[in-house]
Amino acid sequence: MPHLVIALDGPAASGKGTLARKLAEHFNLNLLDTGALYRAVGWSVLHEGGDPTNEIDAVKAAKNLENINLTNPELRTESIGAAASKVASMPSVRQLLVDFQRHFAENPPADKEGTILDGRDIGTVICPNAKVKIFITADVKTRAKRRFLEEFGNKGSDQEYLNILADLKARDERDMTRSASPLKQAENAHLIDTTNSDIEAVFEATRKIVSSVA
């Protein structure tokens, strides 16, 4: 029997990461946050004093991904997220990471029931034959507020919120209009809008989707 593969896509701060972790725990799946791969490339470029808009710098970093710690907390900062969005727009960088992601999807550990990958192009490019495809989204202002609270709690300023909002809008534009693997919903993906839903409601909806086909 082929193992379960879940492709989870959506824009930044839509709740993909939290949902992916809950689904992975519930269904005993090996989890890959593919955004962390691009964040790691962006971090590496900046760490080496390079330019995330320079393809040579980005490709060099992508080729040395095995030396980068994907759990580095610095990868979750907005500055690294912005750098990740820039390197992710480069076809040469995306191609270098495609094989890594597909190998992960196709080879879960023996003690796991399958894999779940969350990102921007999992259902359309990385795992087009995934048994379950989910696309989650939310209003950009809602997503900006979530990210703002994650970073600053109740201590942030209005300007800091506006900066995050502007950054998310710019990242959405880059992600949706890039020539290589743009962010879009796969034709057979289940669409879930999280704007007015908490994580438990979203998890329950997706759990039912997965259980119905798994």
N, C-alpha and C. Protein backbone atom coordinates (compact mmCIF):
# COMPACT_ATOMS: atom_id res chain seq x y z
N MET A 1 0.84 -1.19 0.00
CA MET A 1 0.00 0.00 0.00
C MET A 1 0.88 1.24 0.00
N PRO A 2 0.62 2.21 -0.89
CA PRO A 2 1.39 3.45 -0.87
C PRO A 2 1.09 4.22 0.40
N HIS A 3 2.12 4.89 0.92
CA HIS A 3 1.91 5.64 2.16
C HIS A 3 1.17 6.95 1.88
N LEU A 4 0.66 7.55 2.94
CA LEU A 4 -0.10 8.79 2.84
C LEU A 4 0.84 9.97 2.64
N VAL A 5 0.51 10.82 1.66
CA VAL A 5 1.23 12.08 1.46
C VAL A 5 0.20 13.20 1.49
N ILE A 6 0.42 14.18 2.35
CA ILE A 6 -0.44 15.36 2.42
C ILE A 6 0.33 16.56 1.92
N ALA A 7 -0.25 17.25 0.93
CA ALA A 7 0.33 18.49 0.41
C ALA A 7 -0.46 19.65 1.00
N LEU A 8 0.21 20.49 1.77
CA LEU A 8 -0.45 21.60 2.44
C LEU A 8 0.17 22.90 1.96
N ASP A 9 -0.62 23.71 1.24
CA ASP A 9 -0.13 24.95 0.66
C ASP A 9 -0.91 26.15 1.17
N GLY A 10 -0.30 27.33 0.99
CA GLY A 10 -0.97 28.57 1.36
C GLY A 10 0.03 29.69 1.54
N PRO A 11 -0.46 30.93 1.65
CA PRO A 11 0.42 32.08 1.80
C PRO A 11 1.02 32.18 3.20
N ALA A 12 1.94 33.09 3.38
CA ALA A 12 2.60 33.30 4.67
C ALA A 12 1.60 33.68 5.75
N ALA A 13 1.80 33.14 6.95
CA ALA A 13 1.00 33.46 8.14
C ALA A 13 -0.46 33.05 8.02
N SER A 14 -0.74 32.07 7.16
CA SER A 14 -2.11 31.58 7.03
C SER A 14 -2.43 30.50 8.06
N GLY A 15 -1.41 30.02 8.74
CA GLY A 15 -1.59 28.97 9.75
C GLY A 15 -1.10 27.61 9.31
N LYS A 16 -0.36 27.56 8.19
CA LYS A 16 0.11 26.26 7.68
C LYS A 16 0.98 25.51 8.67
N GLY A 17 1.91 26.21 9.28
CA GLY A 17 2.87 25.54 10.14
C GLY A 17 2.20 24.87 11.33
N THR A 18 1.34 25.60 12.01
CA THR A 18 0.65 25.06 13.18
C THR A 18 -0.23 23.89 12.78
N LEU A 19 -0.97 24.06 11.68
CA LEU A 19 -1.85 22.99 11.21
C LEU A 19 -1.05 21.76 10.82
N ALA A 20 0.05 21.96 10.12
CA ALA A 20 0.88 20.83 9.69
C ALA A 20 1.40 20.03 10.88
N ARG A 21 1.81 20.73 11.92
CA ARG A 21 2.33 20.03 13.10
C ARG A 21 1.23 19.21 13.78
N LYS A 22 0.02 19.76 13.86
CA LYS A 22 -1.08 19.04 14.50
C LYS A 22 -1.49 17.82 13.67
N LEU A 23 -1.51 17.98 12.34
CA LEU A 23 -1.86 16.84 11.48
C LEU A 23 -0.78 15.77 11.55
N ALA A 24 0.47 16.19 11.56
CA ALA A 24 1.58 15.23 11.63
C ALA A 24 1.50 14.41 12.91
N GLU A 25 1.20 15.07 14.01
CA GLU A 25 1.10 14.36 15.29
C GLU A 25 -0.10 13.41 15.30
N HIS A 26 -1.23 13.89 14.80
CA HIS A 26 -2.46 13.09 14.85
C HIS A 26 -2.38 11.85 13.97
N PHE A 27 -1.82 12.01 12.76
CA PHE A 27 -1.79 10.90 11.81
C PHE A 27 -0.43 10.19 11.76
N ASN A 28 0.48 10.57 12.66
CA ASN A 28 1.82 9.96 12.73
C ASN A 28 2.56 10.09 11.39
N LEU A 29 2.73 11.33 10.97
CA LEU A 29 3.37 11.62 9.69
C LEU A 29 4.72 12.32 9.89
N ASN A 30 5.64 12.09 8.98
CA ASN A 30 6.91 12.80 8.97
C ASN A 30 6.67 14.17 8.34
N LEU A 31 7.08 15.22 9.03
CA LEU A 31 6.74 16.59 8.62
C LEU A 31 7.94 17.32 8.05
N LEU A 32 7.72 18.02 6.93
CA LEU A 32 8.74 18.91 6.38
C LEU A 32 8.12 20.29 6.14
N ASP A 33 8.65 21.27 6.83
CA ASP A 33 8.29 22.67 6.58
C ASP A 33 9.18 23.16 5.44
N THR A 34 8.65 23.11 4.22
CA THR A 34 9.50 23.45 3.07
C THR A 34 9.88 24.92 3.07
N GLY A 35 9.07 25.74 3.73
CA GLY A 35 9.44 27.15 3.84
C GLY A 35 10.75 27.32 4.58
N ALA A 36 11.01 26.39 5.53
CA ALA A 36 12.25 26.46 6.30
C ALA A 36 13.46 26.25 5.39
N LEU A 37 13.28 25.46 4.32
CA LEU A 37 14.38 25.26 3.37
C LEU A 37 14.77 26.59 2.71
N TYR A 38 13.75 27.33 2.27
CA TYR A 38 14.03 28.61 1.62
C TYR A 38 14.49 29.66 2.62
N ARG A 39 13.93 29.59 3.83
CA ARG A 39 14.41 30.50 4.87
C ARG A 39 15.88 30.21 5.20
N ALA A 40 16.24 28.93 5.18
CA ALA A 40 17.62 28.55 5.46
C ALA A 40 18.56 29.07 4.38
N VAL A 41 18.10 29.00 3.13
CA VAL A 41 18.90 29.55 2.03
C VAL A 41 19.06 31.06 2.21
N GLY A 42 17.95 31.74 2.50
CA GLY A 42 18.01 33.19 2.71
C GLY A 42 18.92 33.55 3.86
N TRP A 43 18.79 32.79 4.97
CA TRP A 43 19.64 33.05 6.13
C TRP A 43 21.11 32.87 5.78
N SER A 44 21.41 31.79 5.06
CA SER A 44 22.79 31.51 4.70
C SER A 44 23.38 32.61 3.83
N VAL A 45 22.58 33.12 2.89
CA VAL A 45 23.05 34.20 2.03
C VAL A 45 23.41 35.43 2.87
N LEU A 46 22.50 35.82 3.76
CA LEU A 46 22.75 36.99 4.59
C LEU A 46 23.90 36.75 5.55
N HIS A 47 23.97 35.53 6.12
CA HIS A 47 25.02 35.18 7.07
C HIS A 47 26.41 35.28 6.43
N GLU A 48 26.47 34.98 5.13
CA GLU A 48 27.75 35.04 4.41
C GLU A 48 28.00 36.42 3.81
N GLY A 49 27.12 37.37 4.11
CA GLY A 49 27.31 38.73 3.61
C GLY A 49 26.88 38.90 2.16
N GLY A 50 26.06 37.97 1.66
CA GLY A 50 25.61 38.04 0.27
C GLY A 50 24.32 38.82 0.11
N ASP A 51 23.79 38.78 -1.09
CA ASP A 51 22.58 39.51 -1.46
C ASP A 51 21.51 38.50 -1.86
N PRO A 52 20.37 38.43 -1.15
CA PRO A 52 19.33 37.44 -1.49
C PRO A 52 18.68 37.66 -2.85
N THR A 53 18.95 38.78 -3.49
CA THR A 53 18.45 38.99 -4.85
C THR A 53 19.48 38.59 -5.90
N ASN A 54 20.67 38.18 -5.43
CA ASN A 54 21.74 37.77 -6.34
C ASN A 54 21.68 36.25 -6.51
N GLU A 55 21.43 35.79 -7.74
CA GLU A 55 21.22 34.38 -7.98
C GLU A 55 22.46 33.54 -7.67
N ILE A 56 23.63 34.08 -7.92
CA ILE A 56 24.86 33.33 -7.65
C ILE A 56 24.98 33.05 -6.15
N ASP A 57 24.72 34.07 -5.34
CA ASP A 57 24.78 33.90 -3.88
C ASP A 57 23.75 32.89 -3.41
N ALA A 58 22.54 32.98 -3.98
CA ALA A 58 21.44 32.09 -3.56
C ALA A 58 21.71 30.64 -3.94
N VAL A 59 22.19 30.41 -5.15
CA VAL A 59 22.48 29.05 -5.61
C VAL A 59 23.59 28.43 -4.76
N LYS A 60 24.60 29.21 -4.43
CA LYS A 60 25.69 28.71 -3.59
C LYS A 60 25.15 28.24 -2.25
N ALA A 61 24.25 29.02 -1.67
CA ALA A 61 23.67 28.65 -0.38
C ALA A 61 22.81 27.40 -0.51
N ALA A 62 22.04 27.30 -1.58
CA ALA A 62 21.15 26.16 -1.78
C ALA A 62 21.92 24.86 -1.94
N LYS A 63 23.11 24.93 -2.50
CA LYS A 63 23.92 23.74 -2.71
C LYS A 63 24.55 23.23 -1.42
N ASN A 64 24.52 24.04 -0.37
CA ASN A 64 25.13 23.65 0.90
C ASN A 64 24.09 23.54 2.01
N LEU A 65 22.89 23.17 1.63
CA LEU A 65 21.79 23.14 2.58
C LEU A 65 21.99 22.12 3.69
N GLU A 66 22.74 21.06 3.40
CA GLU A 66 22.93 20.02 4.42
C GLU A 66 23.69 20.54 5.63
N ASN A 67 24.36 21.68 5.48
CA ASN A 67 25.14 22.24 6.58
C ASN A 67 24.36 23.28 7.38
N ILE A 68 23.07 23.45 7.06
CA ILE A 68 22.26 24.49 7.70
C ILE A 68 21.27 23.86 8.67
N ASN A 69 21.15 24.46 9.85
CA ASN A 69 20.23 23.98 10.88
C ASN A 69 18.82 24.52 10.60
N LEU A 70 17.90 23.63 10.22
CA LEU A 70 16.54 24.05 9.89
C LEU A 70 15.72 24.41 11.12
N THR A 71 16.24 24.14 12.31
CA THR A 71 15.52 24.51 13.53
C THR A 71 16.05 25.81 14.14
N ASN A 72 16.95 26.47 13.46
CA ASN A 72 17.50 27.74 13.93
C ASN A 72 16.37 28.75 14.14
N PRO A 73 16.16 29.27 15.35
CA PRO A 73 15.06 30.20 15.60
C PRO A 73 15.15 31.47 14.77
N GLU A 74 16.35 31.83 14.32
CA GLU A 74 16.50 33.03 13.50
C GLU A 74 15.76 32.89 12.17
N LEU A 75 15.48 31.67 11.75
CA LEU A 75 14.80 31.47 10.47
C LEU A 75 13.37 32.00 10.51
N ARG A 76 12.80 32.19 11.70
CA ARG A 76 11.41 32.60 11.82
C ARG A 76 11.23 34.11 11.82
N THR A 77 12.31 34.88 11.75
CA THR A 77 12.18 36.33 11.79
C THR A 77 11.67 36.87 10.45
N GLU A 78 11.10 38.07 10.49
CA GLU A 78 10.54 38.67 9.28
C GLU A 78 11.62 38.96 8.24
N SER A 79 12.81 39.38 8.69
CA SER A 79 13.87 39.70 7.74
C SER A 79 14.31 38.46 6.96
N ILE A 80 14.37 37.33 7.64
CA ILE A 80 14.73 36.09 6.95
C ILE A 80 13.59 35.63 6.06
N GLY A 81 12.36 35.85 6.50
CA GLY A 81 11.21 35.51 5.67
C GLY A 81 11.21 36.29 4.36
N ALA A 82 11.57 37.56 4.45
CA ALA A 82 11.64 38.39 3.24
C ALA A 82 12.75 37.89 2.32
N ALA A 83 13.90 37.52 2.89
CA ALA A 83 15.00 36.99 2.09
C ALA A 83 14.61 35.67 1.45
N ALA A 84 13.88 34.84 2.18
CA ALA A 84 13.42 33.55 1.66
C ALA A 84 12.53 33.74 0.45
N SER A 85 11.63 34.72 0.53
CA SER A 85 10.72 34.99 -0.59
C SER A 85 11.49 35.40 -1.84
N LYS A 86 12.59 36.11 -1.65
CA LYS A 86 13.39 36.56 -2.78
C LYS A 86 14.15 35.40 -3.44
N VAL A 87 14.78 34.57 -2.62
CA VAL A 87 15.53 33.44 -3.21
C VAL A 87 14.57 32.41 -3.81
N ALA A 88 13.36 32.31 -3.24
CA ALA A 88 12.39 31.33 -3.72
C ALA A 88 11.85 31.69 -5.10
N SER A 89 12.03 32.93 -5.52
CA SER A 89 11.55 33.34 -6.84
C SER A 89 12.50 32.93 -7.96
N MET A 90 13.66 32.36 -7.60
CA MET A 90 14.68 32.00 -8.58
C MET A 90 14.52 30.54 -9.02
N PRO A 91 14.26 30.28 -10.30
CA PRO A 91 14.07 28.91 -10.78
C PRO A 91 15.24 27.99 -10.44
N SER A 92 16.45 28.50 -10.50
CA SER A 92 17.62 27.65 -10.24
C SER A 92 17.66 27.18 -8.79
N VAL A 93 17.26 28.05 -7.88
CA VAL A 93 17.21 27.67 -6.46
C VAL A 93 16.09 26.66 -6.22
N ARG A 94 14.92 26.91 -6.79
CA ARG A 94 13.79 26.01 -6.60
C ARG A 94 14.11 24.62 -7.13
N GLN A 95 14.78 24.54 -8.27
CA GLN A 95 15.10 23.24 -8.84
C GLN A 95 16.04 22.45 -7.95
N LEU A 96 16.98 23.14 -7.33
CA LEU A 96 17.92 22.47 -6.44
C LEU A 96 17.20 21.84 -5.24
N LEU A 97 16.10 22.45 -4.82
CA LEU A 97 15.40 21.96 -3.64
C LEU A 97 14.26 20.99 -3.97
N VAL A 98 13.89 20.89 -5.25
CA VAL A 98 12.80 19.99 -5.64
C VAL A 98 13.13 18.54 -5.30
N ASP A 99 14.31 18.08 -5.68
CA ASP A 99 14.69 16.69 -5.44
C ASP A 99 14.70 16.38 -3.94
N PHE A 100 15.21 17.32 -3.16
CA PHE A 100 15.26 17.14 -1.70
C PHE A 100 13.85 16.92 -1.16
N GLN A 101 12.90 17.74 -1.58
CA GLN A 101 11.53 17.66 -1.09
C GLN A 101 10.83 16.38 -1.56
N ARG A 102 11.03 16.03 -2.82
CA ARG A 102 10.38 14.81 -3.33
C ARG A 102 10.92 13.56 -2.66
N HIS A 103 12.22 13.54 -2.40
CA HIS A 103 12.81 12.39 -1.73
C HIS A 103 12.23 12.27 -0.32
N PHE A 104 12.05 13.39 0.34
CA PHE A 104 11.46 13.39 1.68
C PHE A 104 10.05 12.83 1.63
N ALA A 105 9.26 13.32 0.67
CA ALA A 105 7.86 12.90 0.55
C ALA A 105 7.73 11.40 0.29
N GLU A 106 8.65 10.87 -0.51
CA GLU A 106 8.54 9.49 -0.96
C GLU A 106 9.19 8.48 -0.03
N ASN A 107 9.90 8.96 0.99
CA ASN A 107 10.65 8.03 1.84
C ASN A 107 10.46 8.32 3.33
N PRO A 108 9.26 8.07 3.85
CA PRO A 108 9.05 8.28 5.29
C PRO A 108 9.79 7.21 6.09
N PRO A 109 10.15 7.51 7.32
CA PRO A 109 10.77 6.51 8.19
C PRO A 109 9.82 5.33 8.41
N ALA A 110 10.36 4.20 8.78
CA ALA A 110 9.56 2.99 8.95
C ALA A 110 8.50 3.13 10.04
N ASP A 111 8.75 4.03 11.01
CA ASP A 111 7.80 4.18 12.12
C ASP A 111 6.74 5.24 11.86
N LYS A 112 6.68 5.78 10.62
CA LYS A 112 5.69 6.79 10.26
C LYS A 112 4.71 6.25 9.22
N GLU A 113 3.49 6.77 9.26
CA GLU A 113 2.45 6.33 8.33
C GLU A 113 2.51 7.04 6.99
N GLY A 114 3.34 8.07 6.89
CA GLY A 114 3.45 8.82 5.65
C GLY A 114 4.14 10.15 5.89
N THR A 115 3.87 11.11 5.02
CA THR A 115 4.54 12.40 5.12
C THR A 115 3.55 13.53 4.90
N ILE A 116 3.89 14.70 5.44
CA ILE A 116 3.15 15.92 5.18
C ILE A 116 4.16 17.03 4.91
N LEU A 117 3.95 17.74 3.82
CA LEU A 117 4.83 18.84 3.45
C LEU A 117 4.00 20.11 3.36
N ASP A 118 4.47 21.18 3.99
CA ASP A 118 3.74 22.43 3.86
C ASP A 118 4.62 23.46 3.16
N GLY A 119 4.00 24.21 2.26
CA GLY A 119 4.76 25.18 1.49
C GLY A 119 3.88 26.01 0.57
N ARG A 120 4.40 26.28 -0.62
CA ARG A 120 3.69 27.12 -1.59
C ARG A 120 3.33 26.34 -2.86
N ASP A 121 4.11 25.32 -3.18
CA ASP A 121 3.90 24.61 -4.46
C ASP A 121 3.90 23.09 -4.28
N ILE A 122 3.51 22.63 -3.10
CA ILE A 122 3.56 21.19 -2.84
C ILE A 122 2.54 20.44 -3.70
N GLY A 123 1.31 20.91 -3.69
CA GLY A 123 0.27 20.22 -4.45
C GLY A 123 0.36 20.40 -5.94
N THR A 124 1.01 21.46 -6.39
CA THR A 124 1.10 21.74 -7.83
C THR A 124 2.38 21.24 -8.47
N VAL A 125 3.49 21.23 -7.72
CA VAL A 125 4.79 20.91 -8.32
C VAL A 125 5.50 19.76 -7.62
N ILE A 126 5.65 19.85 -6.31
CA ILE A 126 6.46 18.87 -5.58
C ILE A 126 5.78 17.52 -5.51
N CYS A 127 4.52 17.51 -5.10
CA CYS A 127 3.77 16.25 -4.95
C CYS A 127 2.42 16.35 -5.66
N PRO A 128 2.43 16.45 -6.99
CA PRO A 128 1.16 16.60 -7.73
C PRO A 128 0.24 15.40 -7.59
N ASN A 129 0.79 14.25 -7.18
CA ASN A 129 -0.02 13.04 -7.02
C ASN A 129 -0.34 12.75 -5.56
N ALA A 130 -0.16 13.73 -4.70
CA ALA A 130 -0.46 13.53 -3.28
C ALA A 130 -1.91 13.11 -3.09
N LYS A 131 -2.12 12.21 -2.16
CA LYS A 131 -3.47 11.69 -1.93
C LYS A 131 -4.39 12.76 -1.36
N VAL A 132 -3.83 13.66 -0.55
CA VAL A 132 -4.61 14.75 0.05
C VAL A 132 -3.91 16.07 -0.24
N LYS A 133 -4.68 17.02 -0.77
CA LYS A 133 -4.15 18.37 -1.01
C LYS A 133 -5.06 19.38 -0.31
N ILE A 134 -4.44 20.24 0.46
CA ILE A 134 -5.18 21.26 1.19
C ILE A 134 -4.54 22.62 0.93
N PHE A 135 -5.37 23.60 0.65
CA PHE A 135 -4.88 24.97 0.46
C PHE A 135 -5.58 25.85 1.48
N ILE A 136 -4.79 26.43 2.39
CA ILE A 136 -5.40 27.30 3.39
C ILE A 136 -4.97 28.74 3.16
N THR A 137 -5.87 29.65 3.44
CA THR A 137 -5.61 31.05 3.23
C THR A 137 -6.31 31.87 4.30
N ALA A 138 -6.09 33.17 4.30
CA ALA A 138 -6.76 34.09 5.21
C ALA A 138 -6.54 35.50 4.68
N ASP A 139 -7.40 36.40 5.08
CA ASP A 139 -7.27 37.81 4.71
C ASP A 139 -5.89 38.31 5.13
N VAL A 140 -5.26 39.13 4.29
CA VAL A 140 -3.88 39.56 4.56
C VAL A 140 -3.78 40.37 5.85
N LYS A 141 -4.81 41.15 6.19
CA LYS A 141 -4.77 41.91 7.44
C LYS A 141 -4.83 40.98 8.65
N THR A 142 -5.59 39.92 8.53
CA THR A 142 -5.65 38.92 9.60
C THR A 142 -4.30 38.24 9.75
N ARG A 143 -3.69 37.90 8.64
CA ARG A 143 -2.39 37.25 8.68
C ARG A 143 -1.33 38.17 9.28
N ALA A 144 -1.41 39.47 8.93
CA ALA A 144 -0.44 40.43 9.47
C ALA A 144 -0.61 40.58 10.98
N LYS A 145 -1.85 40.57 11.45
CA LYS A 145 -2.10 40.68 12.89
C LYS A 145 -1.54 39.46 13.62
N ARG A 146 -1.72 38.28 13.03
CA ARG A 146 -1.19 37.06 13.64
C ARG A 146 0.33 37.14 13.76
N ARG A 147 0.98 37.53 12.69
CA ARG A 147 2.44 37.62 12.70
C ARG A 147 2.91 38.69 13.67
N PHE A 148 2.18 39.80 13.72
CA PHE A 148 2.50 40.89 14.64
C PHE A 148 2.45 40.41 16.09
N LEU A 149 1.40 39.68 16.45
CA LEU A 149 1.26 39.17 17.81
C LEU A 149 2.33 38.14 18.13
N GLU A 150 2.71 37.33 17.13
CA GLU A 150 3.78 36.35 17.34
C GLU A 150 5.09 37.04 17.68
N GLU A 151 5.38 38.13 17.00
CA GLU A 151 6.67 38.81 17.17
C GLU A 151 6.68 39.76 18.36
N PHE A 152 5.58 40.50 18.54
CA PHE A 152 5.62 41.58 19.52
C PHE A 152 4.63 41.44 20.67
N GLY A 153 3.71 40.49 20.59
CA GLY A 153 2.70 40.39 21.63
C GLY A 153 1.86 41.66 21.66
N ASN A 154 1.67 42.20 22.84
CA ASN A 154 0.91 43.45 22.97
C ASN A 154 1.81 44.67 23.09
N LYS A 155 3.09 44.49 22.78
CA LYS A 155 4.06 45.57 22.97
C LYS A 155 4.47 46.25 21.68
N GLY A 156 3.96 45.77 20.55
CA GLY A 156 4.35 46.36 19.28
C GLY A 156 3.63 47.66 18.99
N SER A 157 4.18 48.41 18.04
CA SER A 157 3.60 49.70 17.65
C SER A 157 2.76 49.55 16.39
N ASP A 158 1.96 50.56 16.11
CA ASP A 158 1.16 50.56 14.89
C ASP A 158 2.06 50.49 13.67
N GLN A 159 3.19 51.17 13.73
CA GLN A 159 4.09 51.17 12.59
C GLN A 159 4.69 49.79 12.34
N GLU A 160 4.98 49.08 13.41
CA GLU A 160 5.51 47.72 13.26
C GLU A 160 4.48 46.80 12.62
N TYR A 161 3.21 47.00 12.99
CA TYR A 161 2.14 46.22 12.34
C TYR A 161 2.06 46.56 10.86
N LEU A 162 2.12 47.87 10.54
CA LEU A 162 2.04 48.30 9.15
C LEU A 162 3.22 47.78 8.34
N ASN A 163 4.38 47.69 8.97
CA ASN A 163 5.56 47.15 8.28
C ASN A 163 5.34 45.68 7.92
N ILE A 164 4.79 44.92 8.88
CA ILE A 164 4.51 43.49 8.63
C ILE A 164 3.46 43.34 7.53
N LEU A 165 2.43 44.17 7.58
CA LEU A 165 1.38 44.12 6.56
C LEU A 165 1.95 44.39 5.17
N ALA A 166 2.79 45.41 5.06
CA ALA A 166 3.39 45.74 3.77
C ALA A 166 4.29 44.61 3.28
N ASP A 167 5.03 44.00 4.22
CA ASP A 167 5.92 42.90 3.85
C ASP A 167 5.13 41.69 3.35
N LEU A 168 4.02 41.36 4.03
CA LEU A 168 3.20 40.23 3.60
C LEU A 168 2.59 40.48 2.23
N LYS A 169 2.15 41.70 1.98
CA LYS A 169 1.58 42.03 0.67
C LYS A 169 2.63 41.87 -0.43
N ALA A 170 3.86 42.32 -0.12
CA ALA A 170 4.94 42.21 -1.10
C ALA A 170 5.30 40.75 -1.34
N ARG A 171 5.31 39.94 -0.27
CA ARG A 171 5.63 38.52 -0.40
C ARG A 171 4.55 37.79 -1.18
N ASP A 172 3.30 38.13 -0.91
CA ASP A 172 2.20 37.52 -1.67
C ASP A 172 2.37 37.81 -3.16
N GLU A 173 2.71 39.05 -3.48
CA GLU A 173 2.87 39.43 -4.88
C GLU A 173 4.00 38.64 -5.53
N ARG A 174 5.14 38.55 -4.83
CA ARG A 174 6.27 37.78 -5.37
C ARG A 174 5.90 36.32 -5.53
N ASP A 175 5.25 35.75 -4.51
CA ASP A 175 4.93 34.32 -4.53
C ASP A 175 3.93 33.97 -5.64
N MET A 176 2.96 34.85 -5.87
CA MET A 176 1.91 34.53 -6.83
C MET A 176 2.26 34.87 -8.27
N THR A 177 3.26 35.74 -8.46
CA THR A 177 3.58 36.17 -9.83
C THR A 177 4.92 35.66 -10.34
N ARG A 178 5.68 34.92 -9.51
CA ARG A 178 6.97 34.43 -9.97
C ARG A 178 6.76 33.41 -11.09
N SER A 179 7.74 33.32 -11.97
CA SER A 179 7.63 32.42 -13.12
C SER A 179 7.79 30.96 -12.73
N ALA A 180 8.57 30.71 -11.69
CA ALA A 180 8.82 29.33 -11.26
C ALA A 180 7.90 28.95 -10.11
N SER A 181 7.04 27.98 -10.34
CA SER A 181 6.19 27.41 -9.29
C SER A 181 5.46 28.48 -8.46
N PRO A 182 4.63 29.29 -9.09
CA PRO A 182 3.93 30.33 -8.34
C PRO A 182 2.95 29.73 -7.33
N LEU A 183 2.66 30.51 -6.30
CA LEU A 183 1.69 30.10 -5.30
C LEU A 183 0.30 30.11 -5.92
N LYS A 184 -0.34 28.95 -5.93
CA LYS A 184 -1.72 28.87 -6.40
C LYS A 184 -2.33 27.57 -5.89
N GLN A 185 -3.64 27.56 -5.82
CA GLN A 185 -4.35 26.38 -5.35
C GLN A 185 -4.38 25.31 -6.43
N ALA A 186 -4.00 24.08 -6.07
CA ALA A 186 -4.10 22.98 -7.00
C ALA A 186 -5.57 22.73 -7.31
N GLU A 187 -5.85 22.29 -8.53
CA GLU A 187 -7.24 22.12 -8.96
C GLU A 187 -8.04 21.20 -8.05
N ASN A 188 -7.40 20.17 -7.53
CA ASN A 188 -8.11 19.20 -6.70
C ASN A 188 -7.81 19.36 -5.21
N ALA A 189 -7.38 20.56 -4.81
CA ALA A 189 -7.09 20.82 -3.40
C ALA A 189 -8.35 21.32 -2.68
N HIS A 190 -8.46 20.95 -1.42
CA HIS A 190 -9.54 21.44 -0.57
C HIS A 190 -9.16 22.83 -0.07
N LEU A 191 -10.02 23.82 -0.27
CA LEU A 191 -9.76 25.19 0.15
C LEU A 191 -10.35 25.45 1.52
N ILE A 192 -9.53 25.97 2.43
CA ILE A 192 -9.99 26.33 3.78
C ILE A 192 -9.54 27.75 4.09
N ASP A 193 -10.50 28.63 4.37
CA ASP A 193 -10.21 30.02 4.74
C ASP A 193 -10.18 30.10 6.26
N THR A 194 -9.05 30.52 6.81
CA THR A 194 -8.88 30.55 8.27
C THR A 194 -9.09 31.93 8.87
N THR A 195 -9.59 32.88 8.08
CA THR A 195 -9.73 34.25 8.56
C THR A 195 -10.52 34.33 9.86
N ASN A 196 -11.63 33.63 9.91
CA ASN A 196 -12.51 33.72 11.08
C ASN A 196 -12.57 32.42 11.87
N SER A 197 -11.54 31.60 11.76
CA SER A 197 -11.52 30.31 12.45
C SER A 197 -10.28 30.18 13.33
N ASP A 198 -10.43 29.55 14.48
CA ASP A 198 -9.25 29.28 15.29
C ASP A 198 -8.63 27.96 14.84
N ILE A 199 -7.45 27.67 15.36
CA ILE A 199 -6.69 26.52 14.88
C ILE A 199 -7.42 25.21 15.15
N GLU A 200 -8.16 25.12 16.25
CA GLU A 200 -8.85 23.87 16.54
C GLU A 200 -9.95 23.58 15.52
N ALA A 201 -10.67 24.63 15.09
CA ALA A 201 -11.72 24.45 14.08
C ALA A 201 -11.10 24.07 12.74
N VAL A 202 -9.99 24.70 12.41
CA VAL A 202 -9.31 24.39 11.15
C VAL A 202 -8.76 22.97 11.18
N PHE A 203 -8.18 22.58 12.31
CA PHE A 203 -7.65 21.22 12.43
C PHE A 203 -8.77 20.19 12.28
N GLU A 204 -9.90 20.43 12.92
CA GLU A 204 -11.01 19.47 12.86
C GLU A 204 -11.51 19.34 11.43
N ALA A 205 -11.59 20.45 10.70
CA ALA A 205 -12.05 20.39 9.31
C ALA A 205 -11.08 19.60 8.44
N THR A 206 -9.79 19.83 8.63
CA THR A 206 -8.81 19.12 7.82
C THR A 206 -8.68 17.66 8.26
N ARG A 207 -8.84 17.41 9.55
CA ARG A 207 -8.79 16.02 10.03
C ARG A 207 -9.88 15.18 9.35
N LYS A 208 -11.04 15.75 9.21
CA LYS A 208 -12.13 15.04 8.56
C LYS A 208 -11.83 14.78 7.08
N ILE A 209 -11.21 15.77 6.43
CA ILE A 209 -10.84 15.61 5.02
C ILE A 209 -9.85 14.46 4.87
N VAL A 210 -8.81 14.46 5.70
CA VAL A 210 -7.78 13.42 5.61
C VAL A 210 -8.37 12.05 5.93
N SER A 211 -9.19 11.98 6.97
CA SER A 211 -9.77 10.70 7.39
C SER A 211 -10.69 10.12 6.33
N SER A 212 -11.31 10.99 5.55
CA SER A 212 -12.26 10.52 4.54
C SER A 212 -11.57 9.86 3.34
N VAL A 213 -10.28 10.14 3.15
CA VAL A 213 -9.59 9.61 1.98
C VAL A 213 -8.39 8.75 2.34
N ALA A 214 -7.94 8.85 3.58
CA ALA A 214 -6.73 8.12 3.99
C ALA A 214 -7.03 6.63 4.16
